[in-house]
Amino acid sequence: QASEFPWVSANLISPGGDAPFPPQITRNIGTLAVHVIGLTGESGLPEGYTVLDWNAVLPKLLKSLPESHLTIILSNLTSEQNHEIAEKFPEIDIIISSDKSRGTVSPTLYNQTLIAQVSGRGKYLGRLACVYHPDGVWQAPVPASPEALRKRIAFIDEKIEALSAASSKHASEEKLRETQFRRKKLLDTRKR
């Protein structure tokens, strides 16, 4: 609770039986009203905490909210559960998921809900740029300029080189440790 950003969860229950965080926040961004709802999955809960079934919580919460331009869910439910939510609730525009069984996945459209998957624990930070359309239908983004694409490819190439170098170094260190272990084992055998 010491962080400067708000925490939200519509279904997390503390050991005392109360909700430790508000179920949602509403932010006005320019002229847009945006609801952000949190849904917590069952894995990795602190001791004594429980989660309510999102099927019981989410419909009531959505009905209680005033109309908005965008409704976003922050979820660490499973991918299957997120797809089910997108199927049942067309009023949800975006689901930002952190399903621990998956890594970062490019945004996909499911029943007119944009679902983006990020890696857990800050392993990857990114920016999801969306253009708001009042009709509520997601449209393909305008392609990047050739120069922007060249810069992005150069950036990715640098990352691949750095990862390859780190991987090679790690493999060499591992091989050295293995050789030293075999040498020590051989010396120990000779001493007997």
C-alpha atoms as a PDB file:
ATOM      1  CA  GLN A   1       0.000   0.000   0.000  1.00  0.00           C
ATOM      2  CA  ALA A   2       3.057   2.251   0.063  1.00  0.00           C
ATOM      3  CA  SER A   3       3.101   2.580  -3.727  1.00  0.00           C
ATOM      4  CA  GLU A   4       2.029   5.758  -5.454  1.00  0.00           C
ATOM      5  CA  PHE A   5      -0.279   4.047  -7.931  1.00  0.00           C
ATOM      6  CA  PRO A   6      -3.729   2.719  -7.063  1.00  0.00           C
ATOM      7  CA  TRP A   7      -4.373  -0.973  -6.469  1.00  0.00           C
ATOM      8  CA  VAL A   8      -7.699  -2.445  -7.567  1.00  0.00           C
ATOM      9  CA  SER A   9      -9.326  -5.842  -7.149  1.00  0.00           C
ATOM     10  CA  ALA A  10     -13.006  -6.610  -7.349  1.00  0.00           C
ATOM     11  CA  ASN A  11     -12.648 -10.127  -5.967  1.00  0.00           C
ATOM     12  CA  LEU A  12      -9.750 -10.216  -3.473  1.00  0.00           C
ATOM     13  CA  ILE A  13     -10.760 -10.808   0.161  1.00  0.00           C
ATOM     14  CA  SER A  14      -8.396 -10.330   3.129  1.00  0.00           C
ATOM     15  CA  PRO A  15      -8.150 -12.742   6.073  1.00  0.00           C
ATOM     16  CA  GLY A  16     -10.516 -10.414   7.985  1.00  0.00           C
ATOM     17  CA  GLY A  17     -13.182 -10.859   5.304  1.00  0.00           C
ATOM     18  CA  ASP A  18     -13.019  -7.384   3.787  1.00  0.00           C
ATOM     19  CA  ALA A  19     -11.802  -6.090   0.445  1.00  0.00           C
ATOM     20  CA  PRO A  20      -8.286  -4.645   0.829  1.00  0.00           C
ATOM     21  CA  PHE A  21      -8.613  -2.561  -2.346  1.00  0.00           C
ATOM     22  CA  PRO A  22     -11.411  -0.819  -4.195  1.00  0.00           C
ATOM     23  CA  PRO A  23     -12.914  -2.947  -6.993  1.00  0.00           C
ATOM     24  CA  GLN A  24     -12.296  -0.287  -9.617  1.00  0.00           C
ATOM     25  CA  ILE A  25     -11.269   3.277 -10.269  1.00  0.00           C
ATOM     26  CA  THR A  26     -12.609   5.728 -12.806  1.00  0.00           C
ATOM     27  CA  ARG A  27     -10.284   8.225 -14.420  1.00  0.00           C
ATOM     28  CA  ASN A  28     -11.124  11.079 -16.731  1.00  0.00           C
ATOM     29  CA  ILE A  29      -8.453  11.278 -19.389  1.00  0.00           C
ATOM     30  CA  GLY A  30      -9.105  14.378 -21.419  1.00  0.00           C
ATOM     31  CA  THR A  31     -12.757  14.066 -22.355  1.00  0.00           C
ATOM     32  CA  LEU A  32     -12.844  10.284 -21.886  1.00  0.00           C
ATOM     33  CA  ALA A  33     -14.211   8.504 -18.809  1.00  0.00           C
ATOM     34  CA  VAL A  34     -12.258   5.272 -18.258  1.00  0.00           C
ATOM     35  CA  HIS A  35     -13.166   2.517 -15.770  1.00  0.00           C
ATOM     36  CA  VAL A  36     -10.285   0.289 -14.613  1.00  0.00           C
ATOM     37  CA  ILE A  37     -11.357  -2.913 -12.855  1.00  0.00           C
ATOM     38  CA  GLY A  38      -9.051  -5.392 -11.131  1.00  0.00           C
ATOM     39  CA  LEU A  39      -9.601  -9.169 -11.125  1.00  0.00           C
ATOM     40  CA  THR A  40      -7.292 -11.363  -9.072  1.00  0.00           C
ATOM     41  CA  GLY A  41      -6.544 -15.009  -9.884  1.00  0.00           C
ATOM     42  CA  GLU A  42      -6.112 -17.788  -7.355  1.00  0.00           C
ATOM     43  CA  SER A  43      -2.390 -18.454  -7.728  1.00  0.00           C
ATOM     44  CA  GLY A  44       0.177 -16.806  -5.487  1.00  0.00           C
ATOM     45  CA  LEU A  45      -2.197 -15.351  -2.910  1.00  0.00           C
ATOM     46  CA  PRO A  46      -0.764 -14.240   0.440  1.00  0.00           C
ATOM     47  CA  GLU A  47      -1.657 -16.508   3.340  1.00  0.00           C
ATOM     48  CA  GLY A  48      -5.256 -16.155   4.466  1.00  0.00           C
ATOM     49  CA  TYR A  49      -6.395 -14.224   1.382  1.00  0.00           C
ATOM     50  CA  THR A  50      -9.084 -15.637  -0.885  1.00  0.00           C
ATOM     51  CA  VAL A  51     -10.713 -14.628  -4.127  1.00  0.00           C
ATOM     52  CA  LEU A  52     -14.376 -14.555  -4.992  1.00  0.00           C
ATOM     53  CA  ASP A  53     -15.491 -16.079  -8.275  1.00  0.00           C
ATOM     54  CA  TRP A  54     -15.333 -13.377 -10.950  1.00  0.00           C
ATOM     55  CA  ASN A  55     -18.621 -14.787 -12.377  1.00  0.00           C
ATOM     56  CA  ALA A  56     -20.374 -13.635  -9.218  1.00  0.00           C
ATOM     57  CA  VAL A  57     -18.613 -10.295  -8.833  1.00  0.00           C
ATOM     58  CA  LEU A  58     -18.122  -8.844 -12.312  1.00  0.00           C
ATOM     59  CA  PRO A  59     -21.738  -8.697 -13.596  1.00  0.00           C
ATOM     60  CA  LYS A  60     -22.918  -6.787 -10.510  1.00  0.00           C
ATOM     61  CA  LEU A  61     -19.978  -4.405 -10.667  1.00  0.00           C
ATOM     62  CA  LEU A  62     -20.462  -3.630 -14.371  1.00  0.00           C
ATOM     63  CA  LYS A  63     -24.176  -2.914 -13.821  1.00  0.00           C
ATOM     64  CA  SER A  64     -23.372  -0.526 -10.955  1.00  0.00           C
ATOM     65  CA  LEU A  65     -20.912   1.609 -12.933  1.00  0.00           C
ATOM     66  CA  PRO A  66     -21.968   4.767 -14.758  1.00  0.00           C
ATOM     67  CA  GLU A  67     -21.511   4.824 -18.514  1.00  0.00           C
ATOM     68  CA  SER A  68     -17.929   5.275 -19.689  1.00  0.00           C
ATOM     69  CA  HIS A  69     -15.996   5.600 -22.912  1.00  0.00           C
ATOM     70  CA  LEU A  70     -13.641   2.705 -22.081  1.00  0.00           C
ATOM     71  CA  THR A  71     -13.731  -0.172 -19.633  1.00  0.00           C
ATOM     72  CA  ILE A  72     -10.409  -1.859 -18.905  1.00  0.00           C
ATOM     73  CA  ILE A  73      -9.785  -4.963 -16.817  1.00  0.00           C
ATOM     74  CA  LEU A  74      -6.431  -5.653 -15.186  1.00  0.00           C
ATOM     75  CA  SER A  75      -6.418  -9.419 -14.754  1.00  0.00           C
ATOM     76  CA  ASN A  76      -4.149 -12.207 -13.647  1.00  0.00           C
ATOM     77  CA  LEU A  77      -6.812 -14.801 -14.381  1.00  0.00           C
ATOM     78  CA  THR A  78      -6.061 -17.552 -16.893  1.00  0.00           C
ATOM     79  CA  SER A  79      -6.179 -16.888 -20.611  1.00  0.00           C
ATOM     80  CA  GLU A  80      -9.290 -19.065 -20.861  1.00  0.00           C
ATOM     81  CA  GLN A  81     -11.052 -17.034 -18.169  1.00  0.00           C
ATOM     82  CA  ASN A  82     -10.119 -13.773 -19.906  1.00  0.00           C
ATOM     83  CA  HIS A  83     -11.573 -15.078 -23.177  1.00  0.00           C
ATOM     84  CA  GLU A  84     -14.740 -16.085 -21.338  1.00  0.00           C
ATOM     85  CA  ILE A  85     -15.023 -12.572 -19.871  1.00  0.00           C
ATOM     86  CA  ALA A  86     -14.577 -11.045 -23.342  1.00  0.00           C
ATOM     87  CA  GLU A  87     -17.291 -13.366 -24.671  1.00  0.00           C
ATOM     88  CA  LYS A  88     -19.799 -12.625 -21.886  1.00  0.00           C
ATOM     89  CA  PHE A  89     -19.241  -8.868 -21.535  1.00  0.00           C
ATOM     90  CA  PRO A  90     -18.986  -6.962 -24.829  1.00  0.00           C
ATOM     91  CA  GLU A  91     -18.892  -3.691 -22.873  1.00  0.00           C
ATOM     92  CA  ILE A  92     -15.315  -4.498 -21.811  1.00  0.00           C
ATOM     93  CA  ASP A  93     -12.937  -2.841 -24.248  1.00  0.00           C
ATOM     94  CA  ILE A  94      -9.505  -3.982 -23.067  1.00  0.00           C
ATOM     95  CA  ILE A  95      -8.200  -6.779 -20.844  1.00  0.00           C
ATOM     96  CA  ILE A  96      -4.588  -6.426 -19.745  1.00  0.00           C
ATOM     97  CA  SER A  97      -3.603  -9.849 -18.523  1.00  0.00           C
ATOM     98  CA  SER A  98      -0.651 -11.219 -16.595  1.00  0.00           C
ATOM     99  CA  ASP A  99      -1.429 -14.942 -16.764  1.00  0.00           C
ATOM    100  CA  LYS A 100       1.642 -16.478 -15.103  1.00  0.00           C
ATOM    101  CA  SER A 101       1.629 -19.465 -17.455  1.00  0.00           C
ATOM    102  CA  ARG A 102       2.254 -17.257 -20.493  1.00  0.00           C
ATOM    103  CA  GLY A 103       4.840 -14.674 -21.419  1.00  0.00           C
ATOM    104  CA  THR A 104       4.283 -11.480 -23.316  1.00  0.00           C
ATOM    105  CA  VAL A 105       1.791 -11.978 -26.144  1.00  0.00           C
ATOM    106  CA  SER A 106       0.920  -9.382 -28.764  1.00  0.00           C
ATOM    107  CA  PRO A 107      -2.534  -7.860 -28.375  1.00  0.00           C
ATOM    108  CA  THR A 108      -5.312  -9.907 -29.950  1.00  0.00           C
ATOM    109  CA  LEU A 109      -8.920  -9.116 -30.646  1.00  0.00           C
ATOM    110  CA  TYR A 110     -11.450 -11.448 -29.082  1.00  0.00           C
ATOM    111  CA  ASN A 111     -15.144 -10.639 -29.514  1.00  0.00           C
ATOM    112  CA  GLN A 112     -14.294  -6.924 -29.940  1.00  0.00           C
ATOM    113  CA  THR A 113     -12.262  -6.932 -26.707  1.00  0.00           C
ATOM    114  CA  LEU A 114      -8.554  -6.223 -27.088  1.00  0.00           C
ATOM    115  CA  ILE A 115      -6.586  -8.641 -24.898  1.00  0.00           C
ATOM    116  CA  ALA A 116      -2.944  -7.861 -24.169  1.00  0.00           C
ATOM    117  CA  GLN A 117      -0.715 -10.226 -22.187  1.00  0.00           C
ATOM    118  CA  VAL A 118       2.357  -9.036 -20.280  1.00  0.00           C
ATOM    119  CA  SER A 119       5.048 -10.996 -18.481  1.00  0.00           C
ATOM    120  CA  GLY A 120       4.876 -10.977 -14.722  1.00  0.00           C
ATOM    121  CA  ARG A 121       7.080  -9.212 -12.203  1.00  0.00           C
ATOM    122  CA  GLY A 122       8.175  -6.389 -14.490  1.00  0.00           C
ATOM    123  CA  LYS A 123      10.170  -8.642 -16.811  1.00  0.00           C
ATOM    124  CA  TYR A 124       8.963  -6.577 -19.731  1.00  0.00           C
ATOM    125  CA  LEU A 125       7.661  -3.078 -19.863  1.00  0.00           C
ATOM    126  CA  GLY A 126       5.862  -1.892 -22.902  1.00  0.00           C
ATOM    127  CA  ARG A 127       3.402   0.617 -24.172  1.00  0.00           C
ATOM    128  CA  LEU A 128       0.031  -0.254 -25.590  1.00  0.00           C
ATOM    129  CA  ALA A 129      -0.952   2.589 -27.879  1.00  0.00           C
ATOM    130  CA  CYS A 130      -4.642   2.640 -28.752  1.00  0.00           C
ATOM    131  CA  VAL A 131      -6.649   5.135 -30.725  1.00  0.00           C
ATOM    132  CA  TYR A 132     -10.113   5.704 -29.308  1.00  0.00           C
ATOM    133  CA  HIS A 133     -12.994   5.377 -31.757  1.00  0.00           C
ATOM    134  CA  PRO A 134     -16.400   6.463 -30.416  1.00  0.00           C
ATOM    135  CA  ASP A 135     -18.142   3.619 -32.284  1.00  0.00           C
ATOM    136  CA  GLY A 136     -16.313   1.139 -30.039  1.00  0.00           C
ATOM    137  CA  VAL A 137     -14.885  -0.961 -32.871  1.00  0.00           C
ATOM    138  CA  TRP A 138     -11.140  -1.584 -32.835  1.00  0.00           C
ATOM    139  CA  GLN A 139      -9.398  -0.778 -36.088  1.00  0.00           C
ATOM    140  CA  ALA A 140      -5.996  -1.732 -37.421  1.00  0.00           C
ATOM    141  CA  PRO A 141      -3.302   0.815 -36.559  1.00  0.00           C
ATOM    142  CA  VAL A 142      -1.713   2.977 -39.218  1.00  0.00           C
ATOM    143  CA  PRO A 143       1.512   1.246 -40.306  1.00  0.00           C
ATOM    144  CA  ALA A 144       4.735   2.743 -38.984  1.00  0.00           C
ATOM    145  CA  SER A 145       7.004   4.658 -41.330  1.00  0.00           C
ATOM    146  CA  PRO A 146       9.906   2.746 -42.924  1.00  0.00           C
ATOM    147  CA  GLU A 147      12.349   4.795 -40.827  1.00  0.00           C
ATOM    148  CA  ALA A 148      10.533   3.911 -37.582  1.00  0.00           C
ATOM    149  CA  LEU A 149      10.552   0.239 -38.593  1.00  0.00           C
ATOM    150  CA  ARG A 150      14.316   0.376 -39.351  1.00  0.00           C
ATOM    151  CA  LYS A 151      14.968   1.880 -35.900  1.00  0.00           C
ATOM    152  CA  ARG A 152      12.824  -0.790 -34.242  1.00  0.00           C
ATOM    153  CA  ILE A 153      14.628  -3.583 -36.124  1.00  0.00           C
ATOM    154  CA  ALA A 154      18.022  -2.113 -35.153  1.00  0.00           C
ATOM    155  CA  PHE A 155      16.910  -1.974 -31.504  1.00  0.00           C
ATOM    156  CA  ILE A 156      15.744  -5.609 -31.623  1.00  0.00           C
ATOM    157  CA  ASP A 157      19.005  -6.672 -33.324  1.00  0.00           C
ATOM    158  CA  GLU A 158      20.990  -5.040 -30.488  1.00  0.00           C
ATOM    159  CA  LYS A 159      18.918  -6.907 -27.903  1.00  0.00           C
ATOM    160  CA  ILE A 160      19.438 -10.217 -29.727  1.00  0.00           C
ATOM    161  CA  GLU A 161      23.213  -9.637 -29.841  1.00  0.00           C
ATOM    162  CA  ALA A 162      23.294  -8.810 -26.127  1.00  0.00           C
ATOM    163  CA  LEU A 163      21.251 -11.901 -25.276  1.00  0.00           C
ATOM    164  CA  SER A 164      23.424 -14.099 -27.510  1.00  0.00           C
ATOM    165  CA  ALA A 165      26.595 -12.775 -25.881  1.00  0.00           C
ATOM    166  CA  ALA A 166      25.163 -13.314 -22.397  1.00  0.00           C
ATOM    167  CA  SER A 167      24.002 -16.792 -23.367  1.00  0.00           C
ATOM    168  CA  SER A 168      27.421 -17.717 -24.813  1.00  0.00           C
ATOM    169  CA  LYS A 169      29.172 -16.415 -21.713  1.00  0.00           C
ATOM    170  CA  HIS A 170      26.833 -18.401 -19.478  1.00  0.00           C
ATOM    171  CA  ALA A 171      27.359 -21.555 -21.584  1.00  0.00           C
ATOM    172  CA  SER A 172      31.166 -21.091 -21.420  1.00  0.00           C
ATOM    173  CA  GLU A 173      31.062 -20.608 -17.653  1.00  0.00           C
ATOM    174  CA  GLU A 174      28.878 -23.711 -17.319  1.00  0.00           C
ATOM    175  CA  LYS A 175      31.292 -25.758 -19.467  1.00  0.00           C
ATOM    176  CA  LEU A 176      34.251 -24.508 -17.382  1.00  0.00           C
ATOM    177  CA  ARG A 177      32.527 -25.506 -14.118  1.00  0.00           C
ATOM    178  CA  GLU A 178      31.679 -28.921 -15.577  1.00  0.00           C
ATOM    179  CA  THR A 179      35.311 -29.437 -16.710  1.00  0.00           C
ATOM    180  CA  GLN A 180      36.625 -28.346 -13.294  1.00  0.00           C
ATOM    181  CA  PHE A 181      34.205 -30.767 -11.611  1.00  0.00           C
ATOM    182  CA  ARG A 182      35.324 -33.669 -13.817  1.00  0.00           C
ATOM    183  CA  ARG A 183      38.978 -32.782 -13.193  1.00  0.00           C
ATOM    184  CA  LYS A 184      38.450 -32.713  -9.424  1.00  0.00           C
ATOM    185  CA  LYS A 185      36.572 -36.010  -9.569  1.00  0.00           C
ATOM    186  CA  LEU A 186      39.382 -37.562 -11.606  1.00  0.00           C
ATOM    187  CA  LEU A 187      41.998 -36.280  -9.120  1.00  0.00           C
ATOM    188  CA  ASP A 188      39.961 -37.616  -6.209  1.00  0.00           C
ATOM    189  CA  THR A 189      39.759 -41.013  -7.907  1.00  0.00           C
ATOM    190  CA  ARG A 190      43.563 -41.076  -8.452  1.00  0.00           C
ATOM    191  CA  LYS A 191      44.190 -40.316  -4.761  1.00  0.00           C
ATOM    192  CA  ARG A 192      42.338 -43.473  -3.729  1.00  0.00           C
END
